[in-house]
Amino acid sequence: MSEKYRMIEKLAEPYLRTRMNEIHTKISTQFAYRLLELEDGDEDIVIPAILVHDVGWSQVPEELQLKAFGPKATLPEWNRVHEAEGARIARQILEEAGVELRKIEEIVIIIEGHDSRKEGISLNDKLVKDADKLWRYSREGVEINRLRYDYSFDQYLERLRFHLEVWFLTDSARQIAEAEMAERLKEPEKKEKE
């Protein structure tokens, strides 16, 4: 990771201390790098965007967060709050890190709709959206989310399988998700905990 990315990561860190976002962002960043190896995105847009995409959750009261996202969301308007606030905070972080204005503008647009906008407005936007969702298929994502949503291991894997064709905007992400899901199915210790 470059020094500029490390600076962005450090500046974002205080805003990520909620909703398991420190873990989520780390894993999503790893997926973003994998996607960049397979797709022709701009690393200087995708990596900073994924590092700051969820900083806005810091502005949503913790007692409302689980109502704002996921399969049991009852207050989805708070998801939009995290996007709008995230765009505002991201701009501050990126300016402080010395990111050029043209790139900041693209990153902010991506963050403003990274959850609510279902279509990708650019390849970079698609890669950020896909990296964000791929974390759900990681070992940590499965464990955190199945407990968060009160699903069994099998129920959560079924949810992932069901959304495989809907969530991802690139074939590369879909293939990574399929491979991750295959790995989760090989992890009997998770099923034994049921």
Foldseek 3Di string as FASTA:
>chain_A
DDPLLVQLLVLLVVLQPAPVSVVLLVQLLVQLVVVVVVDVDDCLQQSLLSSQLQSLVSVPPRVQVLLCDDPNNPCVVVVLSRLQSSLVSSLVSCVVSPPDPVSNVVSSVLSNPLPPDQDAPDVSSLSSNLSSVLCCLAPVNLVSVCVSVVHQSVRSLVVLVVCLVRRHDDPSSSVSSVVSSVVSVVPVVSVVVD
